[in-house]
Amino acid sequence: MASKKSESADFVISRVFEAKRERVWKAWTDLEQLKQWWGPKGFLPRYAKVDLRPGGTFHYCLRSGGGQEMWGKFTYREIVAPERLVFVSSFSDEAGGTTRHPMHQSWPLEMLSTITFEDEPGGKTKVTIRWQAHNATAEEQKTFDTSHDGMRQGWGGTLDQLEGYLAKARK
């Protein structure tokens, strides 16, 4: 019988941006740039702090137009400029402690995220996001495995915001 991990499919989403790889990399790693676009549609950071090194964190609070706040953090594992970022992401509290998803108690506490940046013809960049439930219980893994449509919508909105930010920077 196969293990639960081998039965699960990673969530993967890609987008090609009209910007050079170094430019897109900076948008993901420079605090002032992250503040301009990070988060799903309708949210922007009201607080953000980056310590870009293996073991360092990106700790942030997103606020919706209606005032709803959501805290999160990345703990960086690998940084290979301008090719790859690997980090464990989670919801958090204001102090940076790991917390449950505010609206879904069976969501995995931690997600392993791998973001790759590839050169494309014409000075474009392909960004691929690979997401896996990390250290998940069977219930958390099942929630992850059945939530890909919602993840596609959330990540799609975040990538839309990045696309808009990069387009403004080109003008």
N, C-alpha and C. Protein backbone atom coordinates (compact mmCIF):
# COMPACT_ATOMS: atom_id res chain seq x y z
N MET A 1 0.85 -1.18 0.00
CA MET A 1 0.00 0.00 0.00
C MET A 1 0.89 1.24 0.00
N ALA A 2 0.60 2.19 -0.86
CA ALA A 2 1.40 3.42 -0.97
C ALA A 2 1.15 4.31 0.23
N SER A 3 2.17 5.08 0.59
CA SER A 3 2.00 6.02 1.69
C SER A 3 1.12 7.17 1.24
N LYS A 4 0.53 7.87 2.20
CA LYS A 4 -0.33 9.02 1.89
C LYS A 4 0.43 10.06 1.10
N LYS A 5 1.70 10.27 1.43
CA LYS A 5 2.49 11.29 0.75
C LYS A 5 2.58 11.01 -0.75
N SER A 6 2.80 9.76 -1.14
CA SER A 6 2.94 9.44 -2.56
C SER A 6 1.61 9.55 -3.30
N GLU A 7 0.48 9.47 -2.58
CA GLU A 7 -0.83 9.60 -3.21
C GLU A 7 -1.23 11.05 -3.40
N SER A 8 -0.57 11.95 -2.73
CA SER A 8 -0.91 13.35 -2.77
C SER A 8 -0.22 14.04 -3.93
N ALA A 9 -0.91 14.98 -4.50
CA ALA A 9 -0.33 15.76 -5.59
C ALA A 9 0.06 17.13 -5.05
N ASP A 10 1.27 17.55 -5.37
CA ASP A 10 1.67 18.91 -5.02
C ASP A 10 0.78 19.87 -5.78
N PHE A 11 0.61 21.05 -5.22
CA PHE A 11 -0.07 22.12 -5.94
C PHE A 11 0.99 22.90 -6.71
N VAL A 12 0.77 23.10 -8.01
CA VAL A 12 1.74 23.81 -8.85
C VAL A 12 0.99 24.84 -9.69
N ILE A 13 1.52 26.05 -9.73
CA ILE A 13 0.99 27.10 -10.58
C ILE A 13 2.16 27.88 -11.16
N SER A 14 2.05 28.26 -12.44
CA SER A 14 3.11 29.01 -13.12
C SER A 14 2.52 30.22 -13.82
N ARG A 15 3.35 31.21 -14.01
CA ARG A 15 2.96 32.41 -14.76
C ARG A 15 4.21 32.99 -15.40
N VAL A 16 4.08 33.50 -16.63
CA VAL A 16 5.17 34.19 -17.31
C VAL A 16 4.94 35.69 -17.17
N PHE A 17 5.97 36.40 -16.71
CA PHE A 17 5.90 37.85 -16.50
C PHE A 17 6.74 38.58 -17.53
N GLU A 18 6.30 39.76 -17.91
CA GLU A 18 7.00 40.61 -18.86
C GLU A 18 8.07 41.41 -18.12
N ALA A 19 9.03 40.72 -17.57
CA ALA A 19 10.12 41.36 -16.83
C ALA A 19 11.28 40.37 -16.76
N LYS A 20 12.48 40.91 -16.70
CA LYS A 20 13.67 40.06 -16.59
C LYS A 20 13.70 39.36 -15.24
N ARG A 21 14.37 38.22 -15.24
CA ARG A 21 14.41 37.39 -14.03
C ARG A 21 14.92 38.14 -12.82
N GLU A 22 15.99 38.93 -12.96
CA GLU A 22 16.54 39.67 -11.82
C GLU A 22 15.51 40.64 -11.24
N ARG A 23 14.70 41.23 -12.12
CA ARG A 23 13.65 42.17 -11.69
C ARG A 23 12.57 41.45 -10.89
N VAL A 24 12.14 40.30 -11.39
CA VAL A 24 11.10 39.52 -10.71
C VAL A 24 11.64 38.98 -9.38
N TRP A 25 12.89 38.53 -9.37
CA TRP A 25 13.54 38.06 -8.14
C TRP A 25 13.51 39.16 -7.07
N LYS A 26 13.87 40.38 -7.47
CA LYS A 26 13.89 41.51 -6.51
C LYS A 26 12.50 41.77 -5.96
N ALA A 27 11.48 41.63 -6.81
CA ALA A 27 10.11 41.85 -6.33
C ALA A 27 9.74 40.86 -5.23
N TRP A 28 10.31 39.64 -5.28
CA TRP A 28 10.04 38.61 -4.27
C TRP A 28 10.94 38.72 -3.04
N THR A 29 12.04 39.46 -3.14
CA THR A 29 13.03 39.41 -2.05
C THR A 29 13.31 40.77 -1.41
N ASP A 30 12.91 41.85 -2.03
CA ASP A 30 13.15 43.19 -1.49
C ASP A 30 11.91 43.65 -0.71
N LEU A 31 12.10 44.00 0.55
CA LEU A 31 10.98 44.34 1.43
C LEU A 31 10.10 45.45 0.85
N GLU A 32 10.70 46.52 0.37
CA GLU A 32 9.90 47.64 -0.14
C GLU A 32 9.06 47.22 -1.34
N GLN A 33 9.58 46.31 -2.15
CA GLN A 33 8.80 45.84 -3.30
C GLN A 33 7.70 44.86 -2.86
N LEU A 34 8.03 43.97 -1.94
CA LEU A 34 7.01 43.03 -1.43
C LEU A 34 5.80 43.78 -0.88
N LYS A 35 6.06 44.89 -0.21
CA LYS A 35 4.96 45.68 0.38
C LYS A 35 4.00 46.22 -0.67
N GLN A 36 4.43 46.27 -1.91
CA GLN A 36 3.61 46.84 -2.98
C GLN A 36 2.66 45.84 -3.63
N TRP A 37 2.92 44.53 -3.43
CA TRP A 37 2.10 43.57 -4.15
C TRP A 37 1.75 42.29 -3.40
N TRP A 38 2.47 41.92 -2.34
CA TRP A 38 2.30 40.61 -1.74
C TRP A 38 0.89 40.42 -1.19
N GLY A 39 0.28 39.30 -1.50
CA GLY A 39 -1.01 38.91 -0.95
C GLY A 39 -2.04 38.69 -2.02
N PRO A 40 -3.12 37.98 -1.67
CA PRO A 40 -4.18 37.76 -2.65
C PRO A 40 -4.90 39.07 -2.97
N LYS A 41 -5.65 39.06 -4.07
CA LYS A 41 -6.40 40.26 -4.48
C LYS A 41 -7.23 40.79 -3.32
N GLY A 42 -7.21 42.10 -3.17
CA GLY A 42 -7.99 42.72 -2.12
C GLY A 42 -7.22 42.89 -0.82
N PHE A 43 -6.01 42.36 -0.74
CA PHE A 43 -5.18 42.47 0.45
C PHE A 43 -3.84 43.11 0.10
N LEU A 44 -3.30 43.89 1.01
CA LEU A 44 -1.93 44.39 0.90
C LEU A 44 -1.31 44.38 2.29
N PRO A 45 0.02 44.25 2.36
CA PRO A 45 0.66 44.24 3.68
C PRO A 45 0.49 45.56 4.42
N ARG A 46 0.12 45.48 5.69
CA ARG A 46 0.13 46.66 6.55
C ARG A 46 1.38 46.62 7.43
N TYR A 47 1.99 45.42 7.52
CA TYR A 47 3.23 45.23 8.26
C TYR A 47 4.02 44.16 7.51
N ALA A 48 5.32 44.38 7.39
CA ALA A 48 6.17 43.36 6.76
C ALA A 48 7.60 43.57 7.20
N LYS A 49 8.26 42.46 7.49
CA LYS A 49 9.67 42.48 7.88
C LYS A 49 10.34 41.27 7.23
N VAL A 50 11.49 41.49 6.60
CA VAL A 50 12.20 40.41 5.91
C VAL A 50 13.61 40.26 6.47
N ASP A 51 13.98 39.02 6.75
CA ASP A 51 15.35 38.65 7.08
C ASP A 51 15.72 37.56 6.08
N LEU A 52 16.22 37.99 4.90
CA LEU A 52 16.42 37.10 3.75
C LEU A 52 17.73 36.33 3.89
N ARG A 53 17.64 35.18 4.57
CA ARG A 53 18.77 34.27 4.74
C ARG A 53 18.18 32.93 5.17
N PRO A 54 18.88 31.83 4.89
CA PRO A 54 18.38 30.55 5.40
C PRO A 54 18.20 30.64 6.93
N GLY A 55 17.02 30.28 7.40
CA GLY A 55 16.67 30.40 8.81
C GLY A 55 16.00 31.72 9.15
N GLY A 56 16.10 32.70 8.26
CA GLY A 56 15.44 34.00 8.45
C GLY A 56 13.97 33.90 8.07
N THR A 57 13.23 34.99 8.31
CA THR A 57 11.80 34.97 8.05
C THR A 57 11.33 36.19 7.28
N PHE A 58 10.19 36.02 6.64
CA PHE A 58 9.37 37.11 6.12
C PHE A 58 8.11 37.03 6.96
N HIS A 59 7.89 38.02 7.83
CA HIS A 59 6.73 38.06 8.72
C HIS A 59 5.87 39.22 8.26
N TYR A 60 4.58 38.98 8.08
CA TYR A 60 3.74 40.03 7.51
C TYR A 60 2.32 39.97 8.06
N CYS A 61 1.64 41.09 7.92
CA CYS A 61 0.21 41.18 8.21
C CYS A 61 -0.46 41.76 6.98
N LEU A 62 -1.42 41.03 6.44
CA LEU A 62 -2.19 41.51 5.30
C LEU A 62 -3.50 42.11 5.81
N ARG A 63 -3.92 43.19 5.17
CA ARG A 63 -5.19 43.83 5.53
C ARG A 63 -6.04 43.95 4.27
N SER A 64 -7.30 43.56 4.41
CA SER A 64 -8.24 43.70 3.29
C SER A 64 -8.77 45.12 3.26
N GLY A 65 -9.41 45.48 2.16
CA GLY A 65 -10.03 46.79 2.05
C GLY A 65 -11.08 47.01 3.14
N GLY A 66 -11.68 45.92 3.63
CA GLY A 66 -12.67 46.01 4.70
C GLY A 66 -12.08 45.99 6.10
N GLY A 67 -10.75 45.95 6.19
CA GLY A 67 -10.09 46.00 7.50
C GLY A 67 -9.76 44.65 8.11
N GLN A 68 -10.10 43.54 7.46
CA GLN A 68 -9.77 42.22 7.99
C GLN A 68 -8.25 42.03 7.94
N GLU A 69 -7.66 41.51 9.01
CA GLU A 69 -6.21 41.28 9.06
C GLU A 69 -5.90 39.80 9.12
N MET A 70 -4.79 39.42 8.49
CA MET A 70 -4.33 38.04 8.48
C MET A 70 -2.80 38.06 8.57
N TRP A 71 -2.25 37.41 9.59
CA TRP A 71 -0.80 37.34 9.79
C TRP A 71 -0.25 36.07 9.16
N GLY A 72 0.98 36.15 8.64
CA GLY A 72 1.63 34.98 8.08
C GLY A 72 3.14 35.12 8.16
N LYS A 73 3.82 34.01 7.87
CA LYS A 73 5.29 34.06 7.87
C LYS A 73 5.85 32.99 6.95
N PHE A 74 7.02 33.27 6.43
CA PHE A 74 7.86 32.31 5.72
C PHE A 74 9.09 32.12 6.58
N THR A 75 9.58 30.91 6.68
CA THR A 75 10.90 30.65 7.24
C THR A 75 11.74 30.10 6.10
N TYR A 76 12.72 30.91 5.68
CA TYR A 76 13.52 30.57 4.50
C TYR A 76 14.42 29.37 4.79
N ARG A 77 14.46 28.44 3.85
CA ARG A 77 15.35 27.27 3.92
C ARG A 77 16.49 27.38 2.92
N GLU A 78 16.16 27.88 1.73
CA GLU A 78 17.15 27.93 0.65
C GLU A 78 16.90 29.19 -0.17
N ILE A 79 17.98 29.90 -0.49
CA ILE A 79 17.91 31.10 -1.31
C ILE A 79 19.02 31.00 -2.34
N VAL A 80 18.64 30.83 -3.60
CA VAL A 80 19.60 30.72 -4.69
C VAL A 80 19.25 31.82 -5.70
N ALA A 81 19.86 32.99 -5.55
CA ALA A 81 19.54 34.13 -6.42
C ALA A 81 20.10 33.90 -7.81
N PRO A 82 19.37 34.27 -8.84
CA PRO A 82 17.94 34.60 -8.92
C PRO A 82 17.11 33.41 -9.40
N GLU A 83 17.38 32.24 -8.87
CA GLU A 83 16.77 31.01 -9.39
C GLU A 83 15.68 30.39 -8.53
N ARG A 84 15.85 30.41 -7.20
CA ARG A 84 14.95 29.61 -6.37
C ARG A 84 14.87 30.14 -4.94
N LEU A 85 13.66 30.13 -4.42
CA LEU A 85 13.40 30.37 -3.00
C LEU A 85 12.67 29.14 -2.46
N VAL A 86 13.12 28.64 -1.32
CA VAL A 86 12.44 27.53 -0.66
C VAL A 86 12.18 27.98 0.77
N PHE A 87 10.93 27.86 1.20
CA PHE A 87 10.59 28.28 2.55
C PHE A 87 9.40 27.49 3.06
N VAL A 88 9.25 27.47 4.38
CA VAL A 88 8.07 26.91 5.02
C VAL A 88 7.16 28.09 5.34
N SER A 89 5.93 28.03 4.85
CA SER A 89 4.99 29.12 5.11
C SER A 89 3.91 28.65 6.07
N SER A 90 3.40 29.61 6.84
CA SER A 90 2.35 29.30 7.80
C SER A 90 1.59 30.57 8.14
N PHE A 91 0.44 30.38 8.73
CA PHE A 91 -0.25 31.51 9.34
C PHE A 91 0.47 31.79 10.65
N SER A 92 0.36 33.01 11.14
CA SER A 92 1.06 33.33 12.38
C SER A 92 0.25 34.33 13.19
N ASP A 93 0.78 34.60 14.37
CA ASP A 93 0.23 35.69 15.18
C ASP A 93 1.17 36.89 15.05
N GLU A 94 0.84 37.95 15.72
CA GLU A 94 1.62 39.19 15.64
C GLU A 94 3.06 39.00 16.10
N ALA A 95 3.29 38.05 17.02
CA ALA A 95 4.63 37.80 17.54
C ALA A 95 5.44 36.85 16.66
N GLY A 96 4.82 36.30 15.62
CA GLY A 96 5.53 35.38 14.72
C GLY A 96 5.35 33.92 15.05
N GLY A 97 4.51 33.61 16.04
CA GLY A 97 4.23 32.22 16.38
C GLY A 97 3.33 31.58 15.34
N THR A 98 3.51 30.30 15.06
CA THR A 98 2.70 29.58 14.09
C THR A 98 1.29 29.37 14.64
N THR A 99 0.30 29.66 13.80
CA THR A 99 -1.10 29.50 14.20
C THR A 99 -1.87 28.73 13.13
N ARG A 100 -3.07 28.32 13.47
CA ARG A 100 -3.98 27.66 12.53
C ARG A 100 -4.54 28.69 11.55
N HIS A 101 -4.95 28.20 10.39
CA HIS A 101 -5.67 29.02 9.41
C HIS A 101 -6.87 29.64 10.14
N PRO A 102 -7.08 30.94 10.01
CA PRO A 102 -8.16 31.58 10.78
C PRO A 102 -9.56 31.11 10.41
N MET A 103 -9.74 30.51 9.22
CA MET A 103 -11.08 30.09 8.81
C MET A 103 -11.16 28.60 8.49
N HIS A 104 -10.07 27.85 8.74
CA HIS A 104 -10.09 26.43 8.37
C HIS A 104 -9.18 25.64 9.31
N GLN A 105 -9.75 25.06 10.34
CA GLN A 105 -8.96 24.39 11.37
C GLN A 105 -8.22 23.14 10.91
N SER A 106 -8.62 22.54 9.79
CA SER A 106 -7.90 21.35 9.33
C SER A 106 -6.89 21.67 8.22
N TRP A 107 -6.65 22.97 7.97
CA TRP A 107 -5.61 23.35 7.02
C TRP A 107 -4.25 23.01 7.63
N PRO A 108 -3.27 22.52 6.83
CA PRO A 108 -1.96 22.19 7.39
C PRO A 108 -1.32 23.40 8.10
N LEU A 109 -0.68 23.13 9.22
CA LEU A 109 0.02 24.20 9.95
C LEU A 109 1.15 24.78 9.12
N GLU A 110 1.81 23.94 8.34
CA GLU A 110 2.97 24.39 7.55
C GLU A 110 2.85 23.91 6.11
N MET A 111 3.33 24.76 5.22
CA MET A 111 3.37 24.44 3.79
C MET A 111 4.82 24.60 3.33
N LEU A 112 5.33 23.63 2.60
CA LEU A 112 6.66 23.76 2.00
C LEU A 112 6.48 24.39 0.64
N SER A 113 7.11 25.54 0.43
CA SER A 113 6.95 26.32 -0.79
C SER A 113 8.28 26.39 -1.54
N THR A 114 8.23 26.10 -2.83
CA THR A 114 9.40 26.26 -3.70
C THR A 114 8.99 27.16 -4.84
N ILE A 115 9.67 28.29 -4.97
CA ILE A 115 9.41 29.25 -6.02
C ILE A 115 10.63 29.24 -6.94
N THR A 116 10.41 28.96 -8.23
CA THR A 116 11.52 28.98 -9.18
C THR A 116 11.30 30.11 -10.19
N PHE A 117 12.42 30.64 -10.66
CA PHE A 117 12.45 31.77 -11.60
C PHE A 117 13.28 31.33 -12.80
N GLU A 118 12.65 31.29 -13.99
CA GLU A 118 13.33 30.84 -15.20
C GLU A 118 13.27 31.92 -16.28
N ASP A 119 14.41 32.12 -16.97
CA ASP A 119 14.43 33.02 -18.11
C ASP A 119 13.55 32.47 -19.22
N GLU A 120 12.81 33.36 -19.86
CA GLU A 120 12.00 33.03 -21.02
C GLU A 120 12.42 33.95 -22.15
N PRO A 121 12.21 33.56 -23.40
CA PRO A 121 12.59 34.42 -24.53
C PRO A 121 11.94 35.81 -24.43
N GLY A 122 12.64 36.81 -24.95
CA GLY A 122 12.11 38.17 -24.98
C GLY A 122 12.23 38.90 -23.66
N GLY A 123 13.15 38.47 -22.80
CA GLY A 123 13.34 39.16 -21.52
C GLY A 123 12.22 38.89 -20.52
N LYS A 124 11.51 37.80 -20.68
CA LYS A 124 10.42 37.44 -19.77
C LYS A 124 10.91 36.43 -18.73
N THR A 125 10.10 36.23 -17.70
CA THR A 125 10.45 35.30 -16.63
C THR A 125 9.26 34.42 -16.29
N LYS A 126 9.52 33.12 -16.21
CA LYS A 126 8.51 32.17 -15.76
C LYS A 126 8.72 31.92 -14.27
N VAL A 127 7.67 32.15 -13.49
CA VAL A 127 7.68 31.86 -12.06
C VAL A 127 6.80 30.63 -11.84
N THR A 128 7.34 29.63 -11.16
CA THR A 128 6.58 28.44 -10.82
C THR A 128 6.56 28.29 -9.30
N ILE A 129 5.38 28.10 -8.77
CA ILE A 129 5.18 27.92 -7.33
C ILE A 129 4.76 26.48 -7.11
N ARG A 130 5.51 25.78 -6.29
CA ARG A 130 5.17 24.40 -5.91
C ARG A 130 4.90 24.42 -4.40
N TRP A 131 3.73 23.92 -4.03
CA TRP A 131 3.29 23.95 -2.64
C TRP A 131 2.98 22.54 -2.18
N GLN A 132 3.46 22.19 -1.00
CA GLN A 132 3.20 20.87 -0.41
C GLN A 132 2.80 21.06 1.04
N ALA A 133 1.85 20.25 1.49
CA ALA A 133 1.57 20.20 2.93
C ALA A 133 2.83 19.64 3.60
N HIS A 134 3.25 20.26 4.69
CA HIS A 134 4.51 19.89 5.35
C HIS A 134 4.21 19.42 6.76
N ASN A 135 4.73 18.24 7.11
CA ASN A 135 4.48 17.66 8.44
C ASN A 135 2.99 17.58 8.76
N ALA A 136 2.19 17.23 7.75
CA ALA A 136 0.74 17.26 7.89
C ALA A 136 0.18 15.96 8.45
N THR A 137 -0.90 16.09 9.20
CA THR A 137 -1.67 14.92 9.62
C THR A 137 -2.44 14.42 8.40
N ALA A 138 -3.03 13.23 8.51
CA ALA A 138 -3.83 12.69 7.41
C ALA A 138 -5.00 13.63 7.09
N GLU A 139 -5.64 14.17 8.11
CA GLU A 139 -6.76 15.10 7.89
C GLU A 139 -6.29 16.38 7.19
N GLU A 140 -5.15 16.92 7.64
CA GLU A 140 -4.61 18.12 7.00
C GLU A 140 -4.22 17.85 5.55
N GLN A 141 -3.63 16.68 5.30
CA GLN A 141 -3.24 16.34 3.93
C GLN A 141 -4.47 16.23 3.04
N LYS A 142 -5.54 15.63 3.56
CA LYS A 142 -6.78 15.51 2.79
C LYS A 142 -7.35 16.90 2.49
N THR A 143 -7.34 17.78 3.46
CA THR A 143 -7.81 19.16 3.24
C THR A 143 -6.99 19.82 2.14
N PHE A 144 -5.67 19.67 2.21
CA PHE A 144 -4.79 20.23 1.18
C PHE A 144 -5.13 19.65 -0.20
N ASP A 145 -5.22 18.33 -0.26
CA ASP A 145 -5.44 17.66 -1.54
C ASP A 145 -6.76 18.05 -2.20
N THR A 146 -7.75 18.42 -1.40
CA THR A 146 -9.07 18.77 -1.96
C THR A 146 -9.26 20.28 -2.09
N SER A 147 -8.22 21.05 -1.88
CA SER A 147 -8.34 22.52 -1.90
C SER A 147 -7.58 23.19 -3.03
N HIS A 148 -7.17 22.44 -4.04
CA HIS A 148 -6.36 23.02 -5.11
C HIS A 148 -7.08 24.14 -5.88
N ASP A 149 -8.40 24.03 -6.06
CA ASP A 149 -9.12 25.10 -6.75
C ASP A 149 -9.02 26.42 -5.98
N GLY A 150 -9.19 26.36 -4.68
CA GLY A 150 -9.07 27.56 -3.85
C GLY A 150 -7.65 28.11 -3.86
N MET A 151 -6.66 27.20 -3.84
CA MET A 151 -5.26 27.63 -3.90
C MET A 151 -4.98 28.31 -5.23
N ARG A 152 -5.54 27.76 -6.31
CA ARG A 152 -5.34 28.35 -7.64
C ARG A 152 -5.91 29.78 -7.66
N GLN A 153 -7.06 29.97 -7.03
CA GLN A 153 -7.67 31.29 -6.98
C GLN A 153 -6.82 32.24 -6.12
N GLY A 154 -6.38 31.80 -4.94
CA GLY A 154 -5.58 32.66 -4.07
C GLY A 154 -4.23 33.01 -4.67
N TRP A 155 -3.51 31.99 -5.15
CA TRP A 155 -2.21 32.26 -5.77
C TRP A 155 -2.38 33.04 -7.06
N GLY A 156 -3.46 32.75 -7.82
CA GLY A 156 -3.71 33.50 -9.05
C GLY A 156 -3.89 34.98 -8.77
N GLY A 157 -4.63 35.31 -7.71
CA GLY A 157 -4.81 36.71 -7.32
C GLY A 157 -3.51 37.36 -6.88
N THR A 158 -2.68 36.60 -6.16
CA THR A 158 -1.37 37.12 -5.75
C THR A 158 -0.50 37.38 -6.97
N LEU A 159 -0.49 36.46 -7.91
CA LEU A 159 0.31 36.65 -9.12
C LEU A 159 -0.24 37.78 -9.98
N ASP A 160 -1.57 37.98 -9.96
CA ASP A 160 -2.15 39.14 -10.64
C ASP A 160 -1.61 40.44 -10.04
N GLN A 161 -1.52 40.49 -8.72
CA GLN A 161 -1.00 41.70 -8.06
C GLN A 161 0.47 41.92 -8.42
N LEU A 162 1.25 40.83 -8.47
CA LEU A 162 2.65 40.95 -8.89
C LEU A 162 2.73 41.46 -10.33
N GLU A 163 1.90 40.91 -11.20
CA GLU A 163 1.88 41.33 -12.59
C GLU A 163 1.57 42.83 -12.71
N GLY A 164 0.60 43.30 -11.95
CA GLY A 164 0.24 44.71 -11.95
C GLY A 164 1.39 45.58 -11.44
N TYR A 165 2.05 45.12 -10.38
CA TYR A 165 3.19 45.86 -9.83
C TYR A 165 4.32 45.95 -10.84
N LEU A 166 4.65 44.85 -11.49
CA LEU A 166 5.72 44.85 -12.48
C LEU A 166 5.37 45.73 -13.68
N ALA A 167 4.09 45.73 -14.07
CA ALA A 167 3.66 46.57 -15.20
C ALA A 167 3.81 48.06 -14.86
N LYS A 168 3.45 48.44 -13.63
CA LYS A 168 3.60 49.84 -13.20
C LYS A 168 5.08 50.24 -13.21
N ALA A 169 5.92 49.32 -12.80
CA ALA A 169 7.37 49.61 -12.73
C ALA A 169 7.97 49.79 -14.12
N ARG A 170 7.33 49.19 -15.15
CA ARG A 170 7.84 49.33 -16.53
C ARG A 170 7.53 50.70 -17.11
N LYS A 171 6.52 51.36 -16.58
CA LYS A 171 6.09 52.66 -17.15
C LYS A 171 7.02 53.78 -16.77
